[in-house]
Amino acid sequence: MDAVLTLAEGIAAAPATRQLTVDLERLEVVSPAAES
């Protein structure tokens, strides 16, 4: 049962993690442009 709960939590957390990754990639792309 714990394994199923962990899996469900991982699936629930995936969209937030993906959004955070996208935000970080966007910051990395924007920062050099802002400096130059």
PDB file of N, CA and C in Angstrom:
ATOM      1  N   MET A   1       0.823  -1.200   0.000  1.00  0.00           N
ATOM      2  CA  MET A   1       0.000   0.000   0.000  1.00  0.00           C
ATOM      3  C   MET A   1       0.865   1.261   0.000  1.00  0.00           C
ATOM      4  N   ASP A   2       1.943   1.242   0.763  1.00  0.00           N
ATOM      5  CA  ASP A   2       2.829   2.404   0.803  1.00  0.00           C
ATOM      6  C   ASP A   2       3.435   2.693  -0.571  1.00  0.00           C
ATOM      7  N   ALA A   3       3.763   1.612  -1.294  1.00  0.00           N
ATOM      8  CA  ALA A   3       4.348   1.799  -2.615  1.00  0.00           C
ATOM      9  C   ALA A   3       3.361   2.484  -3.559  1.00  0.00           C
ATOM     10  N   VAL A   4       2.088   2.098  -3.451  1.00  0.00           N
ATOM     11  CA  VAL A   4       1.061   2.709  -4.293  1.00  0.00           C
ATOM     12  C   VAL A   4       0.898   4.180  -3.932  1.00  0.00           C
ATOM     13  N   LEU A   5       0.925   4.480  -2.644  1.00  0.00           N
ATOM     14  CA  LEU A   5       0.782   5.858  -2.188  1.00  0.00           C
ATOM     15  C   LEU A   5       1.959   6.702  -2.672  1.00  0.00           C
ATOM     16  N   THR A   6       3.160   6.149  -2.585  1.00  0.00           N
ATOM     17  CA  THR A   6       4.347   6.864  -3.046  1.00  0.00           C
ATOM     18  C   THR A   6       4.263   7.131  -4.544  1.00  0.00           C
ATOM     19  N   LEU A   7       3.816   6.145  -5.293  1.00  0.00           N
ATOM     20  CA  LEU A   7       3.676   6.299  -6.729  1.00  0.00           C
ATOM     21  C   LEU A   7       2.671   7.397  -7.049  1.00  0.00           C
ATOM     22  N   ALA A   8       1.549   7.405  -6.332  1.00  0.00           N
ATOM     23  CA  ALA A   8       0.525   8.427  -6.550  1.00  0.00           C
ATOM     24  C   ALA A   8       1.068   9.813  -6.222  1.00  0.00           C
ATOM     25  N   GLU A   9       1.851   9.913  -5.148  1.00  0.00           N
ATOM     26  CA  GLU A   9       2.442  11.200  -4.779  1.00  0.00           C
ATOM     27  C   GLU A   9       3.435  11.658  -5.840  1.00  0.00           C
ATOM     28  N   GLY A  10       4.209  10.713  -6.375  1.00  0.00           N
ATOM     29  CA  GLY A  10       5.174  11.048  -7.422  1.00  0.00           C
ATOM     30  C   GLY A  10       4.485  11.566  -8.671  1.00  0.00           C
ATOM     31  N   ILE A  11       3.372  10.938  -9.044  1.00  0.00           N
ATOM     32  CA  ILE A  11       2.604  11.383 -10.212  1.00  0.00           C
ATOM     33  C   ILE A  11       2.015  12.768  -9.953  1.00  0.00           C
ATOM     34  N   ALA A  12       1.537  12.989  -8.732  1.00  0.00           N
ATOM     35  CA  ALA A  12       0.951  14.280  -8.387  1.00  0.00           C
ATOM     36  C   ALA A  12       2.005  15.382  -8.390  1.00  0.00           C
ATOM     37  N   ALA A  13       3.235  15.045  -8.003  1.00  0.00           N
ATOM     38  CA  ALA A  13       4.306  16.037  -7.910  1.00  0.00           C
ATOM     39  C   ALA A  13       4.973  16.314  -9.267  1.00  0.00           C
ATOM     40  N   ALA A  14       4.814  15.413 -10.227  1.00  0.00           N
ATOM     41  CA  ALA A  14       5.509  15.534 -11.499  1.00  0.00           C
ATOM     42  C   ALA A  14       5.222  16.855 -12.226  1.00  0.00           C
ATOM     43  N   PRO A  15       3.970  17.297 -12.357  1.00  0.00           N
ATOM     44  CA  PRO A  15       3.714  18.552 -13.068  1.00  0.00           C
ATOM     45  C   PRO A  15       4.417  19.746 -12.423  1.00  0.00           C
ATOM     46  N   ALA A  16       4.434  19.816 -11.094  1.00  0.00           N
ATOM     47  CA  ALA A  16       5.094  20.922 -10.401  1.00  0.00           C
ATOM     48  C   ALA A  16       6.599  20.879 -10.650  1.00  0.00           C
ATOM     49  N   THR A  17       7.168  19.677 -10.625  1.00  0.00           N
ATOM     50  CA  THR A  17       8.604  19.530 -10.874  1.00  0.00           C
ATOM     51  C   THR A  17       8.941  19.936 -12.300  1.00  0.00           C
ATOM     52  N   ARG A  18       8.085  19.541 -13.232  1.00  0.00           N
ATOM     53  CA  ARG A  18       8.312  19.882 -14.634  1.00  0.00           C
ATOM     54  C   ARG A  18       8.227  21.399 -14.821  1.00  0.00           C
ATOM     55  N   GLN A  19       7.261  22.040 -14.182  1.00  0.00           N
ATOM     56  CA  GLN A  19       7.117  23.489 -14.291  1.00  0.00           C
ATOM     57  C   GLN A  19       8.345  24.190 -13.723  1.00  0.00           C
ATOM     58  N   LEU A  20       8.864  23.687 -12.613  1.00  0.00           N
ATOM     59  CA  LEU A  20      10.059  24.278 -12.011  1.00  0.00           C
ATOM     60  C   LEU A  20      11.247  24.150 -12.956  1.00  0.00           C
ATOM     61  N   THR A  21      11.380  23.003 -13.608  1.00  0.00           N
ATOM     62  CA  THR A  21      12.467  22.789 -14.559  1.00  0.00           C
ATOM     63  C   THR A  21      12.349  23.759 -15.726  1.00  0.00           C
ATOM     64  N   VAL A  22      11.130  23.955 -16.237  1.00  0.00           N
ATOM     65  CA  VAL A  22      10.904  24.887 -17.336  1.00  0.00           C
ATOM     66  C   VAL A  22      11.264  26.306 -16.906  1.00  0.00           C
ATOM     67  N   ASP A  23      10.879  26.690 -15.692  1.00  0.00           N
ATOM     68  CA  ASP A  23      11.207  28.025 -15.184  1.00  0.00           C
ATOM     69  C   ASP A  23      12.720  28.216 -15.095  1.00  0.00           C
ATOM     70  N   LEU A  24      13.437  27.202 -14.622  1.00  0.00           N
ATOM     71  CA  LEU A  24      14.890  27.294 -14.514  1.00  0.00           C
ATOM     72  C   LEU A  24      15.527  27.418 -15.896  1.00  0.00           C
ATOM     73  N   GLU A  25      15.043  26.648 -16.864  1.00  0.00           N
ATOM     74  CA  GLU A  25      15.580  26.724 -18.227  1.00  0.00           C
ATOM     75  C   GLU A  25      15.338  28.107 -18.813  1.00  0.00           C
ATOM     76  N   ARG A  26      14.159  28.680 -18.537  1.00  0.00           N
ATOM     77  CA  ARG A  26      13.815  30.002 -19.043  1.00  0.00           C
ATOM     78  C   ARG A  26      14.749  31.044 -18.433  1.00  0.00           C
ATOM     79  N   LEU A  27      15.032  30.909 -17.131  1.00  0.00           N
ATOM     80  CA  LEU A  27      15.950  31.845 -16.468  1.00  0.00           C
ATOM     81  C   LEU A  27      17.343  31.752 -17.083  1.00  0.00           C
ATOM     82  N   GLU A  28      17.798  30.558 -17.371  1.00  0.00           N
ATOM     83  CA  GLU A  28      19.124  30.378 -17.965  1.00  0.00           C
ATOM     84  C   GLU A  28      19.190  30.996 -19.354  1.00  0.00           C
ATOM     85  N   VAL A  29      18.089  30.962 -20.077  1.00  0.00           N
ATOM     86  CA  VAL A  29      18.053  31.538 -21.424  1.00  0.00           C
ATOM     87  C   VAL A  29      17.981  33.064 -21.344  1.00  0.00           C
ATOM     88  N   VAL A  30      17.211  33.580 -20.387  1.00  0.00           N
ATOM     89  CA  VAL A  30      16.994  35.027 -20.281  1.00  0.00           C
ATOM     90  C   VAL A  30      18.209  35.748 -19.687  1.00  0.00           C
ATOM     91  N   SER A  31      18.862  35.143 -18.715  1.00  0.00           N
ATOM     92  CA  SER A  31      19.948  35.815 -18.000  1.00  0.00           C
ATOM     93  C   SER A  31      21.083  36.321 -18.910  1.00  0.00           C
ATOM     94  N   PRO A  32      21.629  35.519 -19.808  1.00  0.00           N
ATOM     95  CA  PRO A  32      22.705  36.020 -20.680  1.00  0.00           C
ATOM     96  C   PRO A  32      22.240  37.185 -21.548  1.00  0.00           C
ATOM     97  N   ALA A  33      21.004  37.123 -22.012  1.00  0.00           N
ATOM     98  CA  ALA A  33      20.473  38.199 -22.843  1.00  0.00           C
ATOM     99  C   ALA A  33      20.347  39.489 -22.032  1.00  0.00           C
ATOM    100  N   ALA A  34      19.964  39.360 -20.765  1.00  0.00           N
ATOM    101  CA  ALA A  34      19.812  40.533 -19.899  1.00  0.00           C
ATOM    102  C   ALA A  34      21.170  41.153 -19.581  1.00  0.00           C
ATOM    103  N   GLU A  35      22.208  40.325 -19.480  1.00  0.00           N
ATOM    104  CA  GLU A  35      23.537  40.836 -19.148  1.00  0.00           C
ATOM    105  C   GLU A  35      24.173  41.569 -20.317  1.00  0.00           C
ATOM    106  N   SER A  36      23.928  41.132 -21.533  1.00  0.00           N
ATOM    107  CA  SER A  36      24.566  41.722 -22.715  1.00  0.00           C
ATOM    108  C   SER A  36      23.762  42.865 -23.301  1.00  0.00           C
TER     109      SER A  36
END
